[in-house]
């Protein structure tokens, strides 16, 4: 694939200046799209990629960790934890929308270069489920703890409850109860997980994923975000991938694992994401509003993304590119 080197350099510089001035997206001087386009052949790291606009502040924190000689595992944990602590976010952390019974339940997972993994699901009242997932990975022989058992283990291991009451969220839920209509809407923040995959300067990979899940879901529902192979998969020899959107679709297809295995077979990250999306699309009727998206990072530093419908963007940070990038897609929305 050919890239215009001059445009690549220009967008990278524009991204650096705009982010320094506090902008949340990077404008293209010619197109004014609010996005960046850049050469995804970034080579070795540092490279940090994460889903959606909230990935910008997550990437900034992860980059700070890497530049301070922190590990890539530290970077992906601390990066997404910033979004967990943003109580204005309605799809991640304690600021998320509740399930149909009024409870905010949280899921997360983390995985390192060598494949070690930790996950937590269906927990309440903990600000940083991603840190709990890492603790499970490092302190137990298990991969996943869930529900009351996970909460008990967390309290026994130094984690503390935090209660957050957001009147706006409570009122929205009470209004929703009047009709109790449950329907995913593509690109609307009722299912917009933050997933992050990253590479350090030595080529070490890691990934993380955290969410409060779909708004008004059935109490007890768990999506793809804490499931290794569905919402996140890292293989240090091949690459990493993470997912966002309607989690059931990723679970049914082991979506992130599929993307990594396709890269193992020689596909580029973009091609691997596209093939995974096509497999999912076979199960989604045309015009049904169920968005799914993947971002992928290969061990050689090449990265890409794809979604089922238009509207999915991801945040990218390298030594020469910084900002939001539109993913390719299979279907246009009405």
Protein backbone atom coordinates (compact mmCIF):
# COMPACT_ATOMS: atom_id res chain seq x y z
CA UNK A 1 0.00 0.00 0.00
CA UNK A 2 1.35 3.42 -0.96
CA UNK A 3 1.25 6.39 1.39
CA UNK A 4 1.97 10.04 0.68
CA UNK A 5 4.94 10.67 2.98
CA UNK A 6 4.48 14.44 2.94
CA UNK A 7 0.86 14.14 4.06
CA UNK A 8 1.88 11.69 6.76
CA UNK A 9 4.44 14.12 8.18
CA UNK A 10 1.99 17.03 7.99
CA UNK A 11 -0.81 15.21 9.84
CA UNK A 12 1.60 13.98 12.48
CA UNK A 13 2.78 17.50 13.19
CA UNK A 14 -0.73 18.90 13.19
CA UNK A 15 -1.73 16.22 15.66
CA UNK A 16 1.07 17.11 18.04
CA UNK A 17 0.27 20.82 18.03
CA UNK A 18 -3.50 20.34 18.40
CA UNK A 19 -3.20 17.95 21.30
CA UNK A 20 -0.80 20.28 23.06
CA UNK A 21 -3.42 23.01 22.86
CA UNK A 22 -6.08 20.81 24.44
CA UNK A 23 -8.05 19.78 21.34
CA UNK A 24 -9.84 16.43 21.41
CA UNK A 25 -9.47 15.70 17.72
CA UNK A 26 -7.08 16.67 15.00
CA UNK A 27 -8.24 18.62 12.00
CA UNK A 28 -6.91 17.94 8.52
CA UNK A 29 -5.82 21.23 6.92
CA UNK A 30 -7.33 20.27 3.57
CA UNK A 31 -10.49 18.38 4.57
CA UNK A 32 -11.38 19.76 8.06
CA UNK A 33 -12.82 16.37 9.01
CA UNK A 34 -11.78 16.55 12.65
CA UNK A 35 -9.78 13.34 12.11
CA UNK A 36 -6.25 12.43 11.24
CA UNK A 37 -4.96 10.21 8.50
CA UNK A 38 -1.48 8.84 8.88
CA UNK A 39 0.78 6.02 7.85
CA UNK A 40 -0.14 3.03 10.05
CA UNK A 41 3.26 1.48 9.30
CA UNK A 42 4.67 2.98 12.45
CA UNK A 43 7.36 0.34 12.97
CA UNK A 44 8.36 -0.50 16.51
CA UNK A 45 6.74 1.30 19.42
CA UNK A 46 5.79 3.08 21.41
CA UNK A 47 2.33 2.70 19.85
CA UNK A 48 -0.91 3.13 21.78
CA UNK A 49 -4.36 2.51 20.28
CA UNK A 50 -7.75 2.67 21.97
CA UNK A 51 -11.41 2.79 21.07
CA UNK A 52 -13.55 5.89 20.64
CA UNK A 53 -12.99 9.52 21.57
CA UNK A 54 -12.45 8.75 25.24
CA UNK A 55 -9.36 6.89 24.05
CA UNK A 56 -7.60 10.23 23.59
CA UNK A 57 -7.17 10.84 27.30
CA UNK A 58 -6.48 7.15 27.90
CA UNK A 59 -3.71 7.22 25.30
CA UNK A 60 -2.23 10.39 26.81
CA UNK A 61 -1.89 8.69 30.18
CA UNK A 62 -0.52 5.47 28.70
CA UNK A 63 2.05 7.45 26.72
CA UNK A 64 3.11 9.28 29.84
CA UNK A 65 3.68 5.94 31.58
CA UNK A 66 5.75 4.59 28.69
CA UNK A 67 7.86 7.75 28.48
CA UNK A 68 8.57 7.45 32.22
CA UNK A 69 9.96 3.94 31.56
CA UNK A 70 6.87 2.18 32.86
CA UNK A 71 6.00 -1.22 31.43
CA UNK A 72 3.49 -1.61 28.64
CA UNK A 73 1.29 -3.50 31.10
CA UNK A 74 1.40 -0.48 33.43
CA UNK A 75 0.51 1.71 30.47
CA UNK A 76 -2.62 -0.18 29.41
CA UNK A 77 -3.82 -0.45 33.00
CA UNK A 78 -3.29 3.19 33.91
CA UNK A 79 -4.48 4.44 30.53
CA UNK A 80 -7.98 2.99 30.75
CA UNK A 81 -8.19 3.71 34.48
CA UNK A 82 -8.39 7.41 33.60
CA UNK A 83 -11.64 6.72 31.76
CA UNK A 84 -12.92 4.56 34.63
CA UNK A 85 -12.50 7.61 36.88
CA UNK A 86 -14.34 9.93 34.48
CA UNK A 87 -17.81 9.89 36.03
CA UNK A 88 -19.21 11.82 33.07
CA UNK A 89 -18.64 8.71 30.94
CA UNK A 90 -21.86 6.70 30.56
CA UNK A 91 -20.41 3.43 29.30
CA UNK A 92 -17.30 2.90 31.44
CA UNK A 93 -16.82 2.87 35.21
CA UNK A 94 -19.08 3.94 38.03
CA UNK A 95 -20.49 6.77 35.94
CA UNK A 96 -22.00 4.24 33.55
CA UNK A 97 -25.70 3.64 33.03
CA UNK A 98 -27.22 0.89 35.18
CA UNK A 99 -28.85 -2.39 34.27
CA UNK A 100 -32.62 -2.69 34.16
CA UNK A 101 -32.74 -3.17 37.95
CA UNK A 102 -30.79 0.03 38.60
CA UNK A 103 -27.36 -1.47 39.38
CA UNK A 104 -24.12 -0.35 37.69
CA UNK A 105 -22.15 -3.55 37.09
CA UNK A 106 -18.60 -3.54 35.79
CA UNK A 107 -16.42 -5.87 33.69
CA UNK A 108 -12.74 -5.72 32.72
CA UNK A 109 -9.78 -7.76 31.52
CA UNK A 110 -6.07 -7.35 30.90
CA UNK A 111 -3.46 -9.46 29.07
CA UNK A 112 0.30 -9.22 28.67
CA UNK A 113 2.85 -10.06 25.98
CA UNK A 114 3.26 -13.64 27.17
CA UNK A 115 -0.47 -14.36 27.30
CA UNK A 116 -1.01 -14.05 31.05
CA UNK A 117 -4.50 -12.73 31.65
CA UNK A 118 -6.82 -11.53 34.38
CA UNK A 119 -10.49 -10.65 34.29
CA UNK A 120 -13.35 -9.59 36.51
CA UNK A 121 -17.06 -9.55 35.72
CA UNK A 122 -20.38 -8.50 37.23
CA UNK A 123 -18.94 -6.49 40.10
CA UNK A 124 -20.30 -3.36 41.77
CA UNK A 125 -18.87 -0.38 43.68
CA UNK A 126 -15.21 -0.61 42.64
CA UNK A 127 -13.71 2.37 40.82
CA UNK A 128 -11.01 0.46 38.95
CA UNK A 129 -12.07 -2.98 37.74
CA UNK A 130 -9.04 -2.99 35.43
CA UNK A 131 -6.71 -2.95 38.44
CA UNK A 132 -8.70 -5.73 40.03
CA UNK A 133 -8.34 -7.75 36.81
CA UNK A 134 -4.57 -7.26 36.91
CA UNK A 135 -4.43 -8.29 40.56
CA UNK A 136 -6.32 -11.49 39.76
CA UNK A 137 -3.78 -12.21 37.02
CA UNK A 138 -0.78 -11.60 39.27
CA UNK A 139 -1.97 -12.90 42.64
CA UNK A 140 -4.17 -15.91 41.86
CA UNK A 141 -3.90 -19.08 39.75
CA UNK A 142 -7.12 -18.06 37.97
CA UNK A 143 -8.05 -15.85 35.02
CA UNK A 144 -11.53 -14.65 35.96
CA UNK A 145 -13.46 -13.93 39.14
CA UNK A 146 -17.10 -12.80 39.05
CA UNK A 147 -19.85 -11.31 41.15
CA UNK A 148 -19.92 -11.59 44.92
CA UNK A 149 -16.88 -13.86 45.01
CA UNK A 150 -14.81 -11.34 43.07
CA UNK A 151 -15.98 -8.53 45.35
CA UNK A 152 -15.08 -10.51 48.46
CA UNK A 153 -11.62 -11.30 47.09
CA UNK A 154 -11.12 -7.65 46.19
CA UNK A 155 -11.94 -6.45 49.69
CA UNK A 156 -9.62 -9.08 51.18
CA UNK A 157 -6.81 -7.85 48.93
CA UNK A 158 -6.81 -4.14 49.60
CA UNK A 159 -9.45 -2.84 47.22
CA UNK A 160 -12.16 -0.60 48.65
CA UNK A 161 -15.75 0.18 47.77
CA UNK A 162 -16.68 3.52 46.32
CA UNK A 163 -20.28 4.72 46.10
CA UNK A 164 -21.10 7.18 43.33
CA UNK A 165 -24.60 8.60 42.94
CA UNK A 166 -25.25 10.60 39.77
CA UNK A 167 -28.73 12.17 39.77
CA UNK A 168 -28.74 12.53 35.98
CA UNK A 169 -28.11 8.81 35.49
CA UNK A 170 -30.68 7.85 38.11
CA UNK A 171 -33.30 10.07 36.44
CA UNK A 172 -32.55 8.62 32.99
CA UNK A 173 -33.06 5.11 34.36
CA UNK A 174 -36.34 6.10 36.02
CA UNK A 175 -37.51 7.60 32.73
CA UNK A 176 -36.47 4.44 30.90
CA UNK A 177 -38.55 2.32 33.29
CA UNK A 178 -41.70 3.94 31.90
CA UNK A 179 -41.27 2.03 28.64
CA UNK A 180 -38.45 -0.42 29.44
CA UNK A 181 -37.53 -0.54 25.75
CA UNK A 182 -34.18 -2.25 25.20
CA UNK A 183 -32.52 -1.70 21.84
CA UNK A 184 -28.85 -1.16 20.95
CA UNK A 185 -28.18 1.91 18.80
CA UNK A 186 -25.01 1.96 16.74
CA UNK A 187 -22.36 4.48 17.88
CA UNK A 188 -24.45 5.69 20.81
CA UNK A 189 -22.79 5.37 24.20
CA UNK A 190 -24.85 2.56 25.66
CA UNK A 191 -22.21 -0.03 24.81
CA UNK A 192 -19.00 1.87 24.06
CA UNK A 193 -16.33 -0.05 25.92
CA UNK A 194 -12.82 1.33 26.08
CA UNK A 195 -10.33 -1.19 24.80
CA UNK A 196 -6.61 -0.41 24.55
CA UNK A 197 -3.73 -2.24 22.88
CA UNK A 198 -0.16 -1.00 23.04
CA UNK A 199 3.46 -1.73 22.18
CA UNK A 200 6.52 -0.34 23.97
CA UNK A 201 9.81 0.65 22.37
CA UNK A 202 11.11 -2.92 22.80
CA UNK A 203 8.18 -4.49 20.96
CA UNK A 204 6.40 -5.78 24.09
CA UNK A 205 2.61 -5.90 23.73
CA UNK A 206 -0.27 -5.67 26.19
CA UNK A 207 -3.97 -4.88 26.16
CA UNK A 208 -6.83 -3.91 28.44
CA UNK A 209 -10.59 -3.56 28.27
CA UNK A 210 -13.11 -2.12 30.73
CA UNK A 211 -16.83 -1.27 30.64
CA UNK A 212 -20.05 -0.80 32.53
CA UNK A 213 -21.76 -2.76 29.78
CA UNK A 214 -24.94 -2.10 27.90
CA UNK A 215 -27.36 0.34 29.44
CA UNK A 216 -30.44 -1.32 30.97
CA UNK A 217 -29.20 -4.85 30.31
CA UNK A 218 -30.69 -7.78 32.24
CA UNK A 219 -29.18 -7.92 35.72
CA UNK A 220 -26.34 -10.45 35.52
CA UNK A 221 -25.55 -9.96 31.85
CA UNK A 222 -21.85 -10.05 30.95
CA UNK A 223 -20.60 -8.97 27.54
CA UNK A 224 -17.37 -9.57 25.68
CA UNK A 225 -15.22 -7.04 27.56
CA UNK A 226 -13.91 -9.35 30.30
CA UNK A 227 -13.65 -12.40 28.06
CA UNK A 228 -10.17 -13.16 26.76
CA UNK A 229 -10.49 -13.98 23.06
CA UNK A 230 -13.72 -12.04 22.62
CA UNK A 231 -13.18 -8.47 23.82
CA UNK A 232 -9.37 -8.68 23.93
CA UNK A 233 -6.59 -10.99 22.83
CA UNK A 234 -2.81 -10.55 22.96
CA UNK A 235 -0.19 -12.89 21.53
CA UNK A 236 3.28 -11.39 21.76
CA UNK A 237 4.52 -13.37 18.76
CA UNK A 238 1.73 -12.13 16.48
CA UNK A 239 -0.10 -9.06 17.75
CA UNK A 240 -3.09 -7.83 19.70
CA UNK A 241 -6.72 -6.92 19.07
CA UNK A 242 -9.63 -5.52 21.04
CA UNK A 243 -13.30 -4.99 20.32
CA UNK A 244 -16.18 -2.64 21.04
CA UNK A 245 -19.91 -2.67 20.38
CA UNK A 246 -22.53 -5.34 20.96
CA UNK A 247 -20.59 -7.88 22.99
CA UNK A 248 -22.76 -10.88 22.19
CA UNK A 249 -21.58 -10.72 18.59
CA UNK A 250 -17.91 -10.82 19.63
CA UNK A 251 -18.49 -13.67 22.07
CA UNK A 252 -20.20 -15.82 19.44
CA UNK A 253 -17.26 -15.46 17.06
CA UNK A 254 -14.32 -15.21 19.52
CA UNK A 255 -13.78 -11.95 17.68
CA UNK A 256 -10.48 -10.59 18.99
CA UNK A 257 -8.87 -14.03 18.91
CA UNK A 258 -10.08 -14.39 15.32
CA UNK A 259 -8.39 -11.12 14.36
CA UNK A 260 -5.07 -12.19 15.89
CA UNK A 261 -5.21 -15.63 14.27
CA UNK A 262 -5.87 -14.04 10.89
CA UNK A 263 -2.78 -11.87 11.40
CA UNK A 264 -0.87 -15.06 12.25
CA UNK A 265 -1.89 -16.36 8.82
CA UNK A 266 -0.37 -13.30 7.16
CA UNK A 267 -3.26 -10.83 6.97
CA UNK A 268 -2.57 -7.18 7.68
CA UNK A 269 -4.36 -5.77 10.76
CA UNK A 270 -6.90 -4.03 8.52
CA UNK A 271 -7.52 -7.19 6.50
CA UNK A 272 -7.86 -9.28 9.65
CA UNK A 273 -10.37 -6.88 11.18
CA UNK A 274 -12.31 -6.77 7.93
CA UNK A 275 -12.57 -10.55 7.71
CA UNK A 276 -13.71 -10.80 11.34
CA UNK A 277 -16.36 -8.15 10.65
CA UNK A 278 -17.55 -10.03 7.58
CA UNK A 279 -18.00 -13.19 9.61
CA UNK A 280 -20.05 -11.28 12.18
CA UNK A 281 -22.06 -9.53 9.46
CA UNK A 282 -23.41 -12.89 8.29
CA UNK A 283 -25.38 -13.05 11.56
CA UNK A 284 -26.61 -9.44 11.55
CA UNK A 285 -29.56 -8.65 9.24
CA UNK A 286 -29.03 -5.69 6.93
CA UNK A 287 -29.84 -2.36 8.57
CA UNK A 288 -30.13 -3.86 12.06
CA UNK A 289 -28.45 -1.27 14.26
CA UNK A 290 -25.85 -3.46 16.01
CA UNK A 291 -22.41 -1.89 15.77
CA UNK A 292 -19.19 -3.83 16.30
CA UNK A 293 -15.63 -2.67 15.76
CA UNK A 294 -12.08 -3.99 16.10
CA UNK A 295 -8.67 -2.40 16.35
CA UNK A 296 -5.56 -4.51 15.78
CA UNK A 297 -1.82 -4.07 16.22
CA UNK A 298 0.64 -6.49 14.63
CA UNK A 299 3.97 -7.37 16.23
CA UNK A 300 5.83 -5.47 13.50
CA UNK A 301 4.01 -2.23 14.41
CA UNK A 302 1.43 -2.21 11.62
CA UNK A 303 -2.07 -1.36 12.87
CA UNK A 304 -5.60 -1.00 11.54
CA UNK A 305 -9.30 -1.10 12.38
CA UNK A 306 -12.69 -2.01 10.96
CA UNK A 307 -16.35 -1.79 11.96
CA UNK A 308 -19.65 -3.13 10.75
CA UNK A 309 -21.25 0.29 10.27
CA UNK A 310 -19.73 3.72 9.66
CA UNK A 311 -19.13 5.89 12.69
CA UNK A 312 -16.48 3.97 14.62
CA UNK A 313 -13.26 5.83 15.33
CA UNK A 314 -10.23 5.05 17.44
CA UNK A 315 -7.48 7.03 19.10
CA UNK A 316 -3.89 6.50 17.92
CA UNK A 317 -0.65 7.73 19.46
CA UNK A 318 2.80 7.10 18.02
CA UNK A 319 5.96 9.17 17.77
CA UNK A 320 4.54 10.84 14.65
CA UNK A 321 0.73 10.54 14.81
CA UNK A 322 -1.74 11.59 17.51
CA UNK A 323 -5.51 11.87 17.28
CA UNK A 324 -8.69 10.16 16.16
CA UNK A 325 -8.79 7.91 13.11
CA UNK A 326 -11.91 6.79 11.24
CA UNK A 327 -12.09 3.02 10.88
CA UNK A 328 -13.08 1.39 7.64
CA UNK A 329 -16.55 -0.16 7.60
CA UNK A 330 -18.67 -2.67 5.72
CA UNK A 331 -22.11 -1.05 5.84
CA UNK A 332 -23.26 2.54 5.54
CA UNK A 333 -25.92 3.71 7.98
CA UNK A 334 -29.13 5.37 6.81
